[in-house]
Amino acid sequence: MFRKRRGQQEMSWATIVDFYARLREVTEIIGSHHDKLLGGPGKTILLDETFLTKRKYNKGRKTKTMTQVVLGIYCRDDKEGLFFG
C-alpha cells in the first residue's frame, strides 16, 4: 500500500496503524453525532484528514494549539459530503 520512493524516508508500520486507528475513532465520533448516512453497498466513500498549521518562519516551535485538523467524508456516487474542522 505504501511504497518507498527514492530519497524518501520509510514510514513505520506503527505510524500507519496509529493513523488508521485515529481515523476510525474520528469517523466513529462523527457518525454518533450525525444522522446523515453516506454511501451504501457498492458506493465509493472518500476520507481525507488534513492538518493545517500556522507557519512560524523559524521563530519558535509549533504547538498543538496552532494546528487545525479538518476531516472530510465524501460519497463519490451521490456527490454528497460532510466536512468537520
PDB file of N, CA and C in Angstrom:
ATOM      1  N   MET A   1       0.822  -1.187   0.000  1.00  0.00           N
ATOM      2  CA  MET A   1       0.000   0.000   0.000  1.00  0.00           C
ATOM      3  C   MET A   1       0.873   1.260   0.000  1.00  0.00           C
ATOM      4  N   PHE A   2       1.845   1.332   0.880  1.00  0.00           N
ATOM      5  CA  PHE A   2       2.741   2.482   0.919  1.00  0.00           C
ATOM      6  C   PHE A   2       4.067   2.073   0.289  1.00  0.00           C
ATOM      7  N   ARG A   3       4.431   2.737  -0.780  1.00  0.00           N
ATOM      8  CA  ARG A   3       5.685   2.420  -1.461  1.00  0.00           C
ATOM      9  C   ARG A   3       6.748   3.432  -1.090  1.00  0.00           C
ATOM     10  N   LYS A   4       7.960   2.949  -1.003  1.00  0.00           N
ATOM     11  CA  LYS A   4       9.077   3.834  -0.685  1.00  0.00           C
ATOM     12  C   LYS A   4       9.656   4.378  -1.984  1.00  0.00           C
ATOM     13  N   ARG A   5       9.744   5.693  -2.088  1.00  0.00           N
ATOM     14  CA  ARG A   5      10.341   6.331  -3.252  1.00  0.00           C
ATOM     15  C   ARG A   5      11.792   6.639  -2.958  1.00  0.00           C
ATOM     16  N   ARG A   6      12.545   6.845  -4.011  1.00  0.00           N
ATOM     17  CA  ARG A   6      13.956   7.168  -3.859  1.00  0.00           C
ATOM     18  C   ARG A   6      14.123   8.472  -3.095  1.00  0.00           C
ATOM     19  N   GLY A   7      14.964   8.475  -2.082  1.00  0.00           N
ATOM     20  CA  GLY A   7      15.224   9.681  -1.310  1.00  0.00           C
ATOM     21  C   GLY A   7      14.177   9.985  -0.254  1.00  0.00           C
ATOM     22  N   GLN A   8      13.174   9.136  -0.123  1.00  0.00           N
ATOM     23  CA  GLN A   8      12.103   9.372   0.848  1.00  0.00           C
ATOM     24  C   GLN A   8      12.303   8.440   2.040  1.00  0.00           C
ATOM     25  N   GLN A   9      12.067   8.962   3.228  1.00  0.00           N
ATOM     26  CA  GLN A   9      12.214   8.131   4.415  1.00  0.00           C
ATOM     27  C   GLN A   9      11.081   7.121   4.484  1.00  0.00           C
ATOM     28  N   GLU A  10      11.390   5.982   5.059  1.00  0.00           N
ATOM     29  CA  GLU A  10      10.404   4.921   5.172  1.00  0.00           C
ATOM     30  C   GLU A  10       9.480   5.191   6.356  1.00  0.00           C
ATOM     31  N   MET A  11       8.192   4.918   6.172  1.00  0.00           N
ATOM     32  CA  MET A  11       7.209   5.113   7.231  1.00  0.00           C
ATOM     33  C   MET A  11       7.059   3.801   7.996  1.00  0.00           C
ATOM     34  N   SER A  12       7.084   3.877   9.311  1.00  0.00           N
ATOM     35  CA  SER A  12       6.993   2.655  10.113  1.00  0.00           C
ATOM     36  C   SER A  12       5.552   2.149  10.152  1.00  0.00           C
ATOM     37  N   TRP A  13       5.413   0.845  10.353  1.00  0.00           N
ATOM     38  CA  TRP A  13       4.082   0.250  10.432  1.00  0.00           C
ATOM     39  C   TRP A  13       3.320   0.771  11.644  1.00  0.00           C
ATOM     40  N   ALA A  14       4.017   1.083  12.716  1.00  0.00           N
ATOM     41  CA  ALA A  14       3.347   1.621  13.908  1.00  0.00           C
ATOM     42  C   ALA A  14       2.682   2.953  13.586  1.00  0.00           C
ATOM     43  N   THR A  15       3.329   3.786  12.780  1.00  0.00           N
ATOM     44  CA  THR A  15       2.749   5.070  12.387  1.00  0.00           C
ATOM     45  C   THR A  15       1.508   4.863  11.539  1.00  0.00           C
ATOM     46  N   ILE A  16       1.568   3.934  10.611  1.00  0.00           N
ATOM     47  CA  ILE A  16       0.428   3.655   9.735  1.00  0.00           C
ATOM     48  C   ILE A  16      -0.746   3.122  10.547  1.00  0.00           C
ATOM     49  N   VAL A  17      -0.480   2.202  11.464  1.00  0.00           N
ATOM     50  CA  VAL A  17      -1.542   1.630  12.297  1.00  0.00           C
ATOM     51  C   VAL A  17      -2.156   2.707  13.185  1.00  0.00           C
ATOM     52  N   ASP A  18      -1.337   3.571  13.773  1.00  0.00           N
ATOM     53  CA  ASP A  18      -1.848   4.661  14.605  1.00  0.00           C
ATOM     54  C   ASP A  18      -2.717   5.614  13.794  1.00  0.00           C
ATOM     55  N   PHE A  19      -2.306   5.907  12.555  1.00  0.00           N
ATOM     56  CA  PHE A  19      -3.080   6.806  11.699  1.00  0.00           C
ATOM     57  C   PHE A  19      -4.463   6.230  11.412  1.00  0.00           C
ATOM     58  N   TYR A  20      -4.524   4.951  11.019  1.00  0.00           N
ATOM     59  CA  TYR A  20      -5.809   4.336  10.722  1.00  0.00           C
ATOM     60  C   TYR A  20      -6.673   4.185  11.975  1.00  0.00           C
ATOM     61  N   ALA A  21      -6.071   3.927  13.115  1.00  0.00           N
ATOM     62  CA  ALA A  21      -6.837   3.842  14.361  1.00  0.00           C
ATOM     63  C   ALA A  21      -7.445   5.194  14.701  1.00  0.00           C
ATOM     64  N   ARG A  22      -6.672   6.256  14.515  1.00  0.00           N
ATOM     65  CA  ARG A  22      -7.188   7.605  14.773  1.00  0.00           C
ATOM     66  C   ARG A  22      -8.314   7.949  13.804  1.00  0.00           C
ATOM     67  N   LEU A  23      -8.149   7.589  12.542  1.00  0.00           N
ATOM     68  CA  LEU A  23      -9.175   7.860  11.541  1.00  0.00           C
ATOM     69  C   LEU A  23     -10.462   7.110  11.864  1.00  0.00           C
ATOM     70  N   ARG A  24     -10.350   5.853  12.297  1.00  0.00           N
ATOM     71  CA  ARG A  24     -11.538   5.092  12.692  1.00  0.00           C
ATOM     72  C   ARG A  24     -12.230   5.738  13.884  1.00  0.00           C
ATOM     73  N   GLU A  25     -11.440   6.202  14.851  1.00  0.00           N
ATOM     74  CA  GLU A  25     -12.003   6.836  16.043  1.00  0.00           C
ATOM     75  C   GLU A  25     -12.747   8.121  15.684  1.00  0.00           C
ATOM     76  N   VAL A  26     -12.155   8.936  14.826  1.00  0.00           N
ATOM     77  CA  VAL A  26     -12.784  10.200  14.427  1.00  0.00           C
ATOM     78  C   VAL A  26     -14.077   9.940  13.669  1.00  0.00           C
ATOM     79  N   THR A  27     -14.077   8.992  12.740  1.00  0.00           N
ATOM     80  CA  THR A  27     -15.298   8.704  11.989  1.00  0.00           C
ATOM     81  C   THR A  27     -16.379   8.111  12.886  1.00  0.00           C
ATOM     82  N   GLU A  28     -15.994   7.359  13.904  1.00  0.00           N
ATOM     83  CA  GLU A  28     -16.977   6.819  14.846  1.00  0.00           C
ATOM     84  C   GLU A  28     -17.633   7.942  15.651  1.00  0.00           C
ATOM     85  N   ILE A  29     -16.840   8.906  16.093  1.00  0.00           N
ATOM     86  CA  ILE A  29     -17.379  10.045  16.842  1.00  0.00           C
ATOM     87  C   ILE A  29     -18.321  10.862  15.968  1.00  0.00           C
ATOM     88  N   ILE A  30     -17.907  11.127  14.743  1.00  0.00           N
ATOM     89  CA  ILE A  30     -18.747  11.906  13.828  1.00  0.00           C
ATOM     90  C   ILE A  30     -20.038  11.160  13.528  1.00  0.00           C
ATOM     91  N   GLY A  31     -19.928   9.865  13.295  1.00  0.00           N
ATOM     92  CA  GLY A  31     -21.112   9.073  12.994  1.00  0.00           C
ATOM     93  C   GLY A  31     -22.098   9.022  14.141  1.00  0.00           C
ATOM     94  N   SER A  32     -21.619   9.099  15.365  1.00  0.00           N
ATOM     95  CA  SER A  32     -22.524   9.051  16.509  1.00  0.00           C
ATOM     96  C   SER A  32     -23.250  10.376  16.727  1.00  0.00           C
ATOM     97  N   HIS A  33     -22.730  11.481  16.169  1.00  0.00           N
ATOM     98  CA  HIS A  33     -23.355  12.786  16.350  1.00  0.00           C
ATOM     99  C   HIS A  33     -24.205  13.234  15.164  1.00  0.00           C
ATOM    100  N   HIS A  34     -24.136  12.543  14.044  1.00  0.00           N
ATOM    101  CA  HIS A  34     -24.868  12.949  12.847  1.00  0.00           C
ATOM    102  C   HIS A  34     -25.687  11.775  12.330  1.00  0.00           C
ATOM    103  N   ASP A  35     -26.920  12.072  11.936  1.00  0.00           N
ATOM    104  CA  ASP A  35     -27.815  11.035  11.453  1.00  0.00           C
ATOM    105  C   ASP A  35     -27.717  10.816   9.947  1.00  0.00           C
ATOM    106  N   LYS A  36     -27.034  11.702   9.229  1.00  0.00           N
ATOM    107  CA  LYS A  36     -26.932  11.583   7.780  1.00  0.00           C
ATOM    108  C   LYS A  36     -26.020  10.408   7.420  1.00  0.00           C
ATOM    109  N   LEU A  37     -26.528   9.526   6.570  1.00  0.00           N
ATOM    110  CA  LEU A  37     -25.750   8.377   6.138  1.00  0.00           C
ATOM    111  C   LEU A  37     -25.187   8.638   4.750  1.00  0.00           C
ATOM    112  N   LEU A  38     -23.938   8.302   4.561  1.00  0.00           N
ATOM    113  CA  LEU A  38     -23.305   8.424   3.256  1.00  0.00           C
ATOM    114  C   LEU A  38     -22.938   7.038   2.760  1.00  0.00           C
ATOM    115  N   GLY A  39     -23.096   6.840   1.460  1.00  0.00           N
ATOM    116  CA  GLY A  39     -22.663   5.577   0.865  1.00  0.00           C
ATOM    117  C   GLY A  39     -23.684   4.477   1.001  1.00  0.00           C
ATOM    118  N   GLY A  40     -23.213   3.283   0.923  1.00  0.00           N
ATOM    119  CA  GLY A  40     -24.040   2.095   0.967  1.00  0.00           C
ATOM    120  C   GLY A  40     -23.352   0.998   0.168  1.00  0.00           C
ATOM    121  N   PRO A  41     -24.050  -0.100  -0.064  1.00  0.00           N
ATOM    122  CA  PRO A  41     -23.440  -1.190  -0.825  1.00  0.00           C
ATOM    123  C   PRO A  41     -23.077  -0.749  -2.245  1.00  0.00           C
ATOM    124  N   GLY A  42     -21.842  -0.971  -2.637  1.00  0.00           N
ATOM    125  CA  GLY A  42     -21.400  -0.654  -3.988  1.00  0.00           C
ATOM    126  C   GLY A  42     -21.061   0.802  -4.237  1.00  0.00           C
ATOM    127  N   LYS A  43     -21.095   1.659  -3.215  1.00  0.00           N
ATOM    128  CA  LYS A  43     -20.786   3.078  -3.386  1.00  0.00           C
ATOM    129  C   LYS A  43     -19.398   3.371  -2.829  1.00  0.00           C
ATOM    130  N   THR A  44     -18.757   4.380  -3.409  1.00  0.00           N
ATOM    131  CA  THR A  44     -17.396   4.735  -3.027  1.00  0.00           C
ATOM    132  C   THR A  44     -17.405   5.916  -2.072  1.00  0.00           C
ATOM    133  N   ILE A  45     -16.748   5.759  -0.924  1.00  0.00           N
ATOM    134  CA  ILE A  45     -16.620   6.823   0.067  1.00  0.00           C
ATOM    135  C   ILE A  45     -15.154   7.238   0.130  1.00  0.00           C
ATOM    136  N   LEU A  46     -14.909   8.550   0.089  1.00  0.00           N
ATOM    137  CA  LEU A  46     -13.557   9.083   0.193  1.00  0.00           C
ATOM    138  C   LEU A  46     -13.398   9.762   1.544  1.00  0.00           C
ATOM    139  N   LEU A  47     -12.306   9.473   2.245  1.00  0.00           N
ATOM    140  CA  LEU A  47     -11.994  10.089   3.533  1.00  0.00           C
ATOM    141  C   LEU A  47     -10.701  10.873   3.398  1.00  0.00           C
ATOM    142  N   ASP A  48     -10.663  12.067   3.991  1.00  0.00           N
ATOM    143  CA  ASP A  48      -9.444  12.863   3.958  1.00  0.00           C
ATOM    144  C   ASP A  48      -9.285  13.577   5.289  1.00  0.00           C
ATOM    145  N   GLU A  49      -8.126  13.411   5.895  1.00  0.00           N
ATOM    146  CA  GLU A  49      -7.800  14.112   7.134  1.00  0.00           C
ATOM    147  C   GLU A  49      -6.623  15.029   6.832  1.00  0.00           C
ATOM    148  N   THR A  50      -6.810  16.335   7.027  1.00  0.00           N
ATOM    149  CA  THR A  50      -5.790  17.322   6.705  1.00  0.00           C
ATOM    150  C   THR A  50      -5.404  18.081   7.959  1.00  0.00           C
ATOM    151  N   PHE A  51      -4.105  18.291   8.142  1.00  0.00           N
ATOM    152  CA  PHE A  51      -3.592  19.063   9.266  1.00  0.00           C
ATOM    153  C   PHE A  51      -3.125  20.416   8.743  1.00  0.00           C
ATOM    154  N   LEU A  52      -3.722  21.487   9.239  1.00  0.00           N
ATOM    155  CA  LEU A  52      -3.339  22.839   8.849  1.00  0.00           C
ATOM    156  C   LEU A  52      -2.564  23.453  10.003  1.00  0.00           C
ATOM    157  N   THR A  53      -1.373  23.960   9.727  1.00  0.00           N
ATOM    158  CA  THR A  53      -0.505  24.511  10.760  1.00  0.00           C
ATOM    159  C   THR A  53      -0.091  25.914  10.387  1.00  0.00           C
ATOM    160  N   LYS A  54      -0.095  26.802  11.359  1.00  0.00           N
ATOM    161  CA  LYS A  54       0.361  28.169  11.144  1.00  0.00           C
ATOM    162  C   LYS A  54       1.886  28.171  11.060  1.00  0.00           C
ATOM    163  N   ARG A  55       2.406  28.838  10.056  1.00  0.00           N
ATOM    164  CA  ARG A  55       3.855  28.880   9.858  1.00  0.00           C
ATOM    165  C   ARG A  55       4.483  29.890  10.814  1.00  0.00           C
ATOM    166  N   LYS A  56       5.589  29.494  11.416  1.00  0.00           N
ATOM    167  CA  LYS A  56       6.257  30.354  12.397  1.00  0.00           C
ATOM    168  C   LYS A  56       7.497  31.047  11.832  1.00  0.00           C
ATOM    169  N   TYR A  57       7.911  30.742  10.599  1.00  0.00           N
ATOM    170  CA  TYR A  57       9.094  31.348   9.981  1.00  0.00           C
ATOM    171  C   TYR A  57      10.331  31.206  10.870  1.00  0.00           C
ATOM    172  N   ASN A  58      10.532  29.995  11.377  1.00  0.00           N
ATOM    173  CA  ASN A  58      11.706  29.646  12.193  1.00  0.00           C
ATOM    174  C   ASN A  58      11.827  30.476  13.467  1.00  0.00           C
ATOM    175  N   LYS A  59      10.735  30.975  13.984  1.00  0.00           N
ATOM    176  CA  LYS A  59      10.748  31.739  15.239  1.00  0.00           C
ATOM    177  C   LYS A  59       9.954  30.953  16.274  1.00  0.00           C
ATOM    178  N   GLY A  60      10.582  30.072  16.945  1.00  0.00           N
ATOM    179  CA  GLY A  60       9.885  29.276  17.949  1.00  0.00           C
ATOM    180  C   GLY A  60       9.425  27.954  17.368  1.00  0.00           C
ATOM    181  N   ARG A  61       8.767  27.188  18.191  1.00  0.00           N
ATOM    182  CA  ARG A  61       8.309  25.870  17.782  1.00  0.00           C
ATOM    183  C   ARG A  61       6.812  25.866  17.583  1.00  0.00           C
ATOM    184  N   LYS A  62       6.367  24.922  16.779  1.00  0.00           N
ATOM    185  CA  LYS A  62       4.933  24.751  16.569  1.00  0.00           C
ATOM    186  C   LYS A  62       4.333  24.098  17.816  1.00  0.00           C
ATOM    187  N   THR A  63       3.142  24.503  18.164  1.00  0.00           N
ATOM    188  CA  THR A  63       2.457  23.901  19.302  1.00  0.00           C
ATOM    189  C   THR A  63       1.176  23.250  18.819  1.00  0.00           C
ATOM    190  N   LYS A  64       0.586  22.422  19.656  1.00  0.00           N
ATOM    191  CA  LYS A  64      -0.652  21.750  19.274  1.00  0.00           C
ATOM    192  C   LYS A  64      -1.796  22.738  19.080  1.00  0.00           C
ATOM    193  N   THR A  65      -1.751  23.877  19.771  1.00  0.00           N
ATOM    194  CA  THR A  65      -2.833  24.854  19.635  1.00  0.00           C
ATOM    195  C   THR A  65      -2.781  25.563  18.293  1.00  0.00           C
ATOM    196  N   MET A  66      -1.667  25.449  17.581  1.00  0.00           N
ATOM    197  CA  MET A  66      -1.530  26.101  16.289  1.00  0.00           C
ATOM    198  C   MET A  66      -1.958  25.186  15.144  1.00  0.00           C
ATOM    199  N   THR A  67      -2.365  23.977  15.433  1.00  0.00           N
ATOM    200  CA  THR A  67      -2.723  23.011  14.399  1.00  0.00           C
ATOM    201  C   THR A  67      -4.237  22.821  14.371  1.00  0.00           C
ATOM    202  N   GLN A  68      -4.820  22.885  13.169  1.00  0.00           N
ATOM    203  CA  GLN A  68      -6.249  22.649  12.970  1.00  0.00           C
ATOM    204  C   GLN A  68      -6.392  21.377  12.137  1.00  0.00           C
ATOM    205  N   VAL A  69      -7.214  20.450  12.597  1.00  0.00           N
ATOM    206  CA  VAL A  69      -7.450  19.211  11.870  1.00  0.00           C
ATOM    207  C   VAL A  69      -8.804  19.319  11.179  1.00  0.00           C
ATOM    208  N   VAL A  70      -8.825  19.032   9.874  1.00  0.00           N
ATOM    209  CA  VAL A  70     -10.057  19.070   9.087  1.00  0.00           C
ATOM    210  C   VAL A  70     -10.288  17.674   8.529  1.00  0.00           C
ATOM    211  N   LEU A  71     -11.484  17.132   8.750  1.00  0.00           N
ATOM    212  CA  LEU A  71     -11.833  15.813   8.242  1.00  0.00           C
ATOM    213  C   LEU A  71     -12.937  15.969   7.213  1.00  0.00           C
ATOM    214  N   GLY A  72     -12.761  15.348   6.073  1.00  0.00           N
ATOM    215  CA  GLY A  72     -13.774  15.376   5.022  1.00  0.00           C
ATOM    216  C   GLY A  72     -14.197  13.969   4.658  1.00  0.00           C
ATOM    217  N   ILE A  73     -15.507  13.767   4.525  1.00  0.00           N
ATOM    218  CA  ILE A  73     -16.067  12.489   4.096  1.00  0.00           C
ATOM    219  C   ILE A  73     -16.951  12.795   2.897  1.00  0.00           C
ATOM    220  N   TYR A  74     -16.723  12.107   1.772  1.00  0.00           N
ATOM    221  CA  TYR A  74     -17.427  12.432   0.534  1.00  0.00           C
ATOM    222  C   TYR A  74     -17.858  11.150  -0.164  1.00  0.00           C
ATOM    223  N   CYS A  75     -19.125  11.110  -0.600  1.00  0.00           N
ATOM    224  CA  CYS A  75     -19.634   9.981  -1.376  1.00  0.00           C
ATOM    225  C   CYS A  75     -19.534  10.351  -2.851  1.00  0.00           C
ATOM    226  N   ARG A  76     -18.690   9.661  -3.578  1.00  0.00           N
ATOM    227  CA  ARG A  76     -18.451   9.974  -4.985  1.00  0.00           C
ATOM    228  C   ARG A  76     -19.703   9.730  -5.836  1.00  0.00           C
ATOM    229  N   ASP A  77     -20.483   8.713  -5.527  1.00  0.00           N
ATOM    230  CA  ASP A  77     -21.650   8.372  -6.335  1.00  0.00           C
ATOM    231  C   ASP A  77     -22.813   9.332  -6.106  1.00  0.00           C
ATOM    232  N   ASP A  78     -23.069   9.711  -4.846  1.00  0.00           N
ATOM    233  CA  ASP A  78     -24.187  10.611  -4.524  1.00  0.00           C
ATOM    234  C   ASP A  78     -23.806  12.082  -4.607  1.00  0.00           C
ATOM    235  N   LYS A  79     -22.490  12.371  -4.689  1.00  0.00           N
ATOM    236  CA  LYS A  79     -21.967  13.742  -4.704  1.00  0.00           C
ATOM    237  C   LYS A  79     -22.416  14.526  -3.468  1.00  0.00           C
ATOM    238  N   GLU A  80     -22.355  13.867  -2.313  1.00  0.00           N
ATOM    239  CA  GLU A  80     -22.665  14.490  -1.026  1.00  0.00           C
ATOM    240  C   GLU A  80     -21.467  14.305  -0.109  1.00  0.00           C
ATOM    241  N   GLY A  81     -21.298  15.257   0.805  1.00  0.00           N
ATOM    242  CA  GLY A  81     -20.167  15.146   1.708  1.00  0.00           C
ATOM    243  C   GLY A  81     -20.396  15.853   3.023  1.00  0.00           C
ATOM    244  N   LEU A  82     -19.547  15.544   3.987  1.00  0.00           N
ATOM    245  CA  LEU A  82     -19.547  16.181   5.296  1.00  0.00           C
ATOM    246  C   LEU A  82     -18.118  16.624   5.586  1.00  0.00           C
ATOM    247  N   PHE A  83     -17.976  17.828   6.128  1.00  0.00           N
ATOM    248  CA  PHE A  83     -16.661  18.343   6.480  1.00  0.00           C
ATOM    249  C   PHE A  83     -16.691  18.851   7.911  1.00  0.00           C
ATOM    250  N   PHE A  84     -15.668  18.513   8.673  1.00  0.00           N
ATOM    251  CA  PHE A  84     -15.601  18.883  10.079  1.00  0.00           C
ATOM    252  C   PHE A  84     -14.230  19.459  10.371  1.00  0.00           C
ATOM    253  N   GLY A  85     -14.208  20.541  11.169  1.00  0.00           N
ATOM    254  CA  GLY A  85     -12.929  21.171  11.492  1.00  0.00           C
ATOM    255  C   GLY A  85     -12.783  21.403  12.956  1.00  0.00           C
TER     256      GLY A  85
END
